[in-house]
PDB file of N, CA and C in Angstrom:
ATOM      1  N   MET A   1      34.714  30.249  34.847  1.00  0.00           N
ATOM      2  CA  MET A   1      33.282  30.270  34.669  1.00  0.00           C
ATOM      3  C   MET A   1      32.614  30.376  36.042  1.00  0.00           C
ATOM      4  N   ALA A   2      31.616  31.213  36.145  1.00  0.00           N
ATOM      5  CA  ALA A   2      30.902  31.406  37.398  1.00  0.00           C
ATOM      6  C   ALA A   2      30.038  30.190  37.711  1.00  0.00           C
ATOM      7  N   ARG A   3      29.975  29.873  38.991  1.00  0.00           N
ATOM      8  CA  ARG A   3      29.130  28.766  39.424  1.00  0.00           C
ATOM      9  C   ARG A   3      27.681  29.248  39.536  1.00  0.00           C
ATOM     10  N   LEU A   4      26.771  28.376  39.183  1.00  0.00           N
ATOM     11  CA  LEU A   4      25.353  28.691  39.298  1.00  0.00           C
ATOM     12  C   LEU A   4      24.879  28.372  40.710  1.00  0.00           C
ATOM     13  N   GLU A   5      23.895  29.131  41.171  1.00  0.00           N
ATOM     14  CA  GLU A   5      23.302  28.837  42.467  1.00  0.00           C
ATOM     15  C   GLU A   5      22.596  27.483  42.396  1.00  0.00           C
ATOM     16  N   ARG A   6      22.427  26.878  43.535  1.00  0.00           N
ATOM     17  CA  ARG A   6      21.790  25.566  43.610  1.00  0.00           C
ATOM     18  C   ARG A   6      20.428  25.598  42.917  1.00  0.00           C
ATOM     19  N   GLY A   7      20.225  24.709  41.984  1.00  0.00           N
ATOM     20  CA  GLY A   7      18.955  24.595  41.276  1.00  0.00           C
ATOM     21  C   GLY A   7      18.815  25.497  40.060  1.00  0.00           C
ATOM     22  N   GLU A   8      19.748  26.436  39.866  1.00  0.00           N
ATOM     23  CA  GLU A   8      19.633  27.385  38.751  1.00  0.00           C
ATOM     24  C   GLU A   8      19.752  26.675  37.402  1.00  0.00           C
ATOM     25  N   ARG A   9      20.655  25.722  37.300  1.00  0.00           N
ATOM     26  CA  ARG A   9      20.838  24.986  36.043  1.00  0.00           C
ATOM     27  C   ARG A   9      19.536  24.286  35.648  1.00  0.00           C
ATOM     28  N   GLN A  10      18.911  23.637  36.605  1.00  0.00           N
ATOM     29  CA  GLN A  10      17.667  22.914  36.335  1.00  0.00           C
ATOM     30  C   GLN A  10      16.546  23.883  35.977  1.00  0.00           C
ATOM     31  N   ARG A  11      16.500  25.046  36.629  1.00  0.00           N
ATOM     32  CA  ARG A  11      15.476  26.055  36.306  1.00  0.00           C
ATOM     33  C   ARG A  11      15.655  26.558  34.874  1.00  0.00           C
ATOM     34  N   ARG A  12      16.898  26.817  34.488  1.00  0.00           N
ATOM     35  CA  ARG A  12      17.160  27.277  33.123  1.00  0.00           C
ATOM     36  C   ARG A  12      16.751  26.227  32.102  1.00  0.00           C
ATOM     37  N   LEU A  13      17.112  24.980  32.381  1.00  0.00           N
ATOM     38  CA  LEU A  13      16.775  23.880  31.484  1.00  0.00           C
ATOM     39  C   LEU A  13      15.256  23.773  31.330  1.00  0.00           C
ATOM     40  N   GLN A  14      14.540  23.863  32.433  1.00  0.00           N
ATOM     41  CA  GLN A  14      13.074  23.778  32.398  1.00  0.00           C
ATOM     42  C   GLN A  14      12.471  24.962  31.652  1.00  0.00           C
ATOM     43  N   THR A  15      13.022  26.152  31.865  1.00  0.00           N
ATOM     44  CA  THR A  15      12.523  27.349  31.181  1.00  0.00           C
ATOM     45  C   THR A  15      12.676  27.211  29.675  1.00  0.00           C
ATOM     46  N   ILE A  16      13.832  26.760  29.240  1.00  0.00           N
ATOM     47  CA  ILE A  16      14.077  26.585  27.806  1.00  0.00           C
ATOM     48  C   ILE A  16      13.164  25.517  27.232  1.00  0.00           C
ATOM     49  N   GLN A  17      12.996  24.422  27.957  1.00  0.00           N
ATOM     50  CA  GLN A  17      12.105  23.361  27.493  1.00  0.00           C
ATOM     51  C   GLN A  17      10.673  23.895  27.358  1.00  0.00           C
ATOM     52  N   THR A  18      10.237  24.706  28.290  1.00  0.00           N
ATOM     53  CA  THR A  18       8.897  25.284  28.244  1.00  0.00           C
ATOM     54  C   THR A  18       8.729  26.190  27.031  1.00  0.00           C
ATOM     55  N   VAL A  19       9.727  27.014  26.738  1.00  0.00           N
ATOM     56  CA  VAL A  19       9.662  27.895  25.567  1.00  0.00           C
ATOM     57  C   VAL A  19       9.536  27.069  24.292  1.00  0.00           C
ATOM     58  N   VAL A  20      10.305  25.996  24.194  1.00  0.00           N
ATOM     59  CA  VAL A  20      10.252  25.131  23.012  1.00  0.00           C
ATOM     60  C   VAL A  20       8.878  24.479  22.897  1.00  0.00           C
ATOM     61  N   GLN A  21       8.324  24.035  24.018  1.00  0.00           N
ATOM     62  CA  GLN A  21       7.017  23.375  24.005  1.00  0.00           C
ATOM     63  C   GLN A  21       5.896  24.332  23.621  1.00  0.00           C
ATOM     64  N   GLN A  22       6.020  25.599  23.987  1.00  0.00           N
ATOM     65  CA  GLN A  22       4.956  26.567  23.739  1.00  0.00           C
ATOM     66  C   GLN A  22       4.984  27.154  22.333  1.00  0.00           C
ATOM     67  N   ASN A  23       6.036  26.880  21.592  1.00  0.00           N
ATOM     68  CA  ASN A  23       6.179  27.430  20.246  1.00  0.00           C
ATOM     69  C   ASN A  23       6.388  26.292  19.260  1.00  0.00           C
ATOM     70  N   TRP A  24       5.709  26.357  18.144  1.00  0.00           N
ATOM     71  CA  TRP A  24       5.910  25.338  17.116  1.00  0.00           C
ATOM     72  C   TRP A  24       7.028  25.806  16.214  1.00  0.00           C
ATOM     73  N   GLY A  25       8.239  25.376  16.509  1.00  0.00           N
ATOM     74  CA  GLY A  25       9.414  25.771  15.749  1.00  0.00           C
ATOM     75  C   GLY A  25       9.917  27.117  16.228  1.00  0.00           C
ATOM     76  N   VAL A  26      10.997  27.101  16.965  1.00  0.00           N
ATOM     77  CA  VAL A  26      11.532  28.329  17.535  1.00  0.00           C
ATOM     78  C   VAL A  26      13.053  28.341  17.352  1.00  0.00           C
ATOM     79  N   LYS A  27      13.608  29.505  17.007  1.00  0.00           N
ATOM     80  CA  LYS A  27      15.045  29.646  16.799  1.00  0.00           C
ATOM     81  C   LYS A  27      15.763  29.851  18.130  1.00  0.00           C
ATOM     82  N   GLU A  28      17.035  29.468  18.168  1.00  0.00           N
ATOM     83  CA  GLU A  28      17.851  29.683  19.362  1.00  0.00           C
ATOM     84  C   GLU A  28      17.845  31.150  19.762  1.00  0.00           C
ATOM     85  N   SER A  29      17.967  32.029  18.781  1.00  0.00           N
ATOM     86  CA  SER A  29      18.010  33.466  19.077  1.00  0.00           C
ATOM     87  C   SER A  29      16.707  33.941  19.719  1.00  0.00           C
ATOM     88  N   GLU A  30      15.573  33.369  19.314  1.00  0.00           N
ATOM     89  CA  GLU A  30      14.285  33.734  19.902  1.00  0.00           C
ATOM     90  C   GLU A  30      14.195  33.249  21.343  1.00  0.00           C
ATOM     91  N   ILE A  31      14.712  32.049  21.585  1.00  0.00           N
ATOM     92  CA  ILE A  31      14.737  31.523  22.954  1.00  0.00           C
ATOM     93  C   ILE A  31      15.636  32.394  23.821  1.00  0.00           C
ATOM     94  N   ALA A  32      16.790  32.777  23.292  1.00  0.00           N
ATOM     95  CA  ALA A  32      17.715  33.643  24.031  1.00  0.00           C
ATOM     96  C   ALA A  32      17.054  34.964  24.372  1.00  0.00           C
ATOM     97  N   ASP A  33      16.359  35.562  23.426  1.00  0.00           N
ATOM     98  CA  ASP A  33      15.673  36.834  23.677  1.00  0.00           C
ATOM     99  C   ASP A  33      14.602  36.678  24.759  1.00  0.00           C
ATOM    100  N   GLU A  34      13.847  35.597  24.689  1.00  0.00           N
ATOM    101  CA  GLU A  34      12.750  35.388  25.628  1.00  0.00           C
ATOM    102  C   GLU A  34      13.235  35.070  27.042  1.00  0.00           C
ATOM    103  N   THR A  35      14.355  34.347  27.150  1.00  0.00           N
ATOM    104  CA  THR A  35      14.851  33.938  28.464  1.00  0.00           C
ATOM    105  C   THR A  35      15.881  34.892  29.049  1.00  0.00           C
ATOM    106  N   GLY A  36      16.471  35.730  28.206  1.00  0.00           N
ATOM    107  CA  GLY A  36      17.510  36.633  28.684  1.00  0.00           C
ATOM    108  C   GLY A  36      18.868  35.973  28.827  1.00  0.00           C
ATOM    109  N   LEU A  37      19.007  34.764  28.293  1.00  0.00           N
ATOM    110  CA  LEU A  37      20.279  34.042  28.342  1.00  0.00           C
ATOM    111  C   LEU A  37      21.046  34.266  27.043  1.00  0.00           C
ATOM    112  N   HIS A  38      22.349  34.129  27.114  1.00  0.00           N
ATOM    113  CA  HIS A  38      23.191  34.248  25.923  1.00  0.00           C
ATOM    114  C   HIS A  38      22.868  33.092  24.974  1.00  0.00           C
ATOM    115  N   ARG A  39      22.937  33.357  23.695  1.00  0.00           N
ATOM    116  CA  ARG A  39      22.585  32.342  22.694  1.00  0.00           C
ATOM    117  C   ARG A  39      23.428  31.065  22.844  1.00  0.00           C
ATOM    118  N   ARG A  40      24.692  31.193  23.157  1.00  0.00           N
ATOM    119  CA  ARG A  40      25.555  30.015  23.311  1.00  0.00           C
ATOM    120  C   ARG A  40      25.121  29.170  24.512  1.00  0.00           C
ATOM    121  N   VAL A  41      24.682  29.824  25.561  1.00  0.00           N
ATOM    122  CA  VAL A  41      24.176  29.111  26.738  1.00  0.00           C
ATOM    123  C   VAL A  41      22.913  28.339  26.356  1.00  0.00           C
ATOM    124  N   VAL A  42      22.028  29.004  25.622  1.00  0.00           N
ATOM    125  CA  VAL A  42      20.799  28.359  25.154  1.00  0.00           C
ATOM    126  C   VAL A  42      21.137  27.141  24.299  1.00  0.00           C
ATOM    127  N   ASN A  43      22.125  27.288  23.409  1.00  0.00           N
ATOM    128  CA  ASN A  43      22.532  26.185  22.549  1.00  0.00           C
ATOM    129  C   ASN A  43      22.985  24.983  23.369  1.00  0.00           C
ATOM    130  N   ASN A  44      23.753  25.222  24.411  1.00  0.00           N
ATOM    131  CA  ASN A  44      24.227  24.118  25.261  1.00  0.00           C
ATOM    132  C   ASN A  44      23.063  23.382  25.921  1.00  0.00           C
ATOM    133  N   TYR A  45      22.096  24.135  26.433  1.00  0.00           N
ATOM    134  CA  TYR A  45      20.936  23.499  27.062  1.00  0.00           C
ATOM    135  C   TYR A  45      20.082  22.765  26.028  1.00  0.00           C
ATOM    136  N   LEU A  46      19.930  23.338  24.847  1.00  0.00           N
ATOM    137  CA  LEU A  46      19.147  22.670  23.801  1.00  0.00           C
ATOM    138  C   LEU A  46      19.796  21.355  23.384  1.00  0.00           C
ATOM    139  N   ARG A  47      21.114  21.338  23.286  1.00  0.00           N
ATOM    140  CA  ARG A  47      21.787  20.084  22.937  1.00  0.00           C
ATOM    141  C   ARG A  47      21.581  19.037  24.024  1.00  0.00           C
ATOM    142  N   GLU A  48      21.537  19.476  25.271  1.00  0.00           N
ATOM    143  CA  GLU A  48      21.262  18.546  26.365  1.00  0.00           C
ATOM    144  C   GLU A  48      19.834  17.999  26.256  1.00  0.00           C
ATOM    145  N   LEU A  49      18.876  18.882  25.990  1.00  0.00           N
ATOM    146  CA  LEU A  49      17.491  18.440  25.814  1.00  0.00           C
ATOM    147  C   LEU A  49      17.366  17.492  24.627  1.00  0.00           C
ATOM    148  N   ASP A  50      18.112  17.764  23.566  1.00  0.00           N
ATOM    149  CA  ASP A  50      18.125  16.884  22.393  1.00  0.00           C
ATOM    150  C   ASP A  50      18.633  15.500  22.772  1.00  0.00           C
ATOM    151  N   GLY A  51      19.686  15.448  23.534  1.00  0.00           N
ATOM    152  CA  GLY A  51      20.248  14.168  23.973  1.00  0.00           C
ATOM    153  C   GLY A  51      19.290  13.372  24.844  1.00  0.00           C
ATOM    154  N   GLU A  52      18.425  14.078  25.559  1.00  0.00           N
ATOM    155  CA  GLU A  52      17.427  13.428  26.413  1.00  0.00           C
ATOM    156  C   GLU A  52      16.143  13.105  25.656  1.00  0.00           C
ATOM    157  N   GLY A  53      16.071  13.511  24.387  1.00  0.00           N
ATOM    158  CA  GLY A  53      14.875  13.258  23.584  1.00  0.00           C
ATOM    159  C   GLY A  53      13.732  14.211  23.873  1.00  0.00           C
ATOM    160  N   LYS A  54      14.011  15.340  24.524  1.00  0.00           N
ATOM    161  CA  LYS A  54      12.965  16.288  24.889  1.00  0.00           C
ATOM    162  C   LYS A  54      12.820  17.431  23.891  1.00  0.00           C
ATOM    163  N   ALA A  55      13.764  17.544  22.968  1.00  0.00           N
ATOM    164  CA  ALA A  55      13.720  18.566  21.925  1.00  0.00           C
ATOM    165  C   ALA A  55      14.526  18.051  20.744  1.00  0.00           C
ATOM    166  N   HIS A  56      14.212  18.565  19.564  1.00  0.00           N
ATOM    167  CA  HIS A  56      15.000  18.204  18.385  1.00  0.00           C
ATOM    168  C   HIS A  56      15.024  19.392  17.420  1.00  0.00           C
ATOM    169  N   ARG A  57      16.027  19.385  16.568  1.00  0.00           N
ATOM    170  CA  ARG A  57      16.217  20.503  15.651  1.00  0.00           C
ATOM    171  C   ARG A  57      16.014  20.054  14.216  1.00  0.00           C
ATOM    172  N   LYS A  58      15.336  20.905  13.468  1.00  0.00           N
ATOM    173  CA  LYS A  58      15.204  20.737  12.021  1.00  0.00           C
ATOM    174  C   LYS A  58      15.607  22.066  11.413  1.00  0.00           C
ATOM    175  N   GLY A  59      16.738  22.080  10.725  1.00  0.00           N
ATOM    176  CA  GLY A  59      17.245  23.336  10.182  1.00  0.00           C
ATOM    177  C   GLY A  59      17.610  24.289  11.306  1.00  0.00           C
ATOM    178  N   ARG A  60      17.035  25.470  11.275  1.00  0.00           N
ATOM    179  CA  ARG A  60      17.306  26.473  12.309  1.00  0.00           C
ATOM    180  C   ARG A  60      16.315  26.437  13.456  1.00  0.00           C
ATOM    181  N   TYR A  61      15.321  25.595  13.367  1.00  0.00           N
ATOM    182  CA  TYR A  61      14.226  25.607  14.341  1.00  0.00           C
ATOM    183  C   TYR A  61      14.270  24.411  15.288  1.00  0.00           C
ATOM    184  N   TRP A  62      13.871  24.662  16.521  1.00  0.00           N
ATOM    185  CA  TRP A  62      13.789  23.632  17.558  1.00  0.00           C
ATOM    186  C   TRP A  62      12.338  23.315  17.842  1.00  0.00           C
ATOM    187  N   TYR A  63      12.076  22.031  18.060  1.00  0.00           N
ATOM    188  CA  TYR A  63      10.724  21.533  18.320  1.00  0.00           C
ATOM    189  C   TYR A  63      10.739  20.676  19.576  1.00  0.00           C
ATOM    190  N   SER A  64       9.613  20.560  20.217  1.00  0.00           N
ATOM    191  CA  SER A  64       9.493  19.725  21.396  1.00  0.00           C
ATOM    192  C   SER A  64       9.673  18.264  21.021  1.00  0.00           C
ATOM    193  N   GLY A  65      10.329  17.523  21.908  1.00  0.00           N
ATOM    194  CA  GLY A  65      10.686  16.119  21.756  1.00  0.00           C
ATOM    195  C   GLY A  65       9.727  15.305  21.016  1.00  0.00           C
TER     196      GLY A  65
END
């Protein structure tokens, strides 16, 4: 797996969190399209945000914490 540049992980996490906050119910695939990241990568970051209480999922949609 390729290493991310310093701060890139945090930037991606913040970008995904912002997309979730700006949309009332958004699918992983929509976040992937908007950010240009692979859907599986988006899923990993969303699960991290969920663990931190900053996002949660209901069905197929993600909502801000």
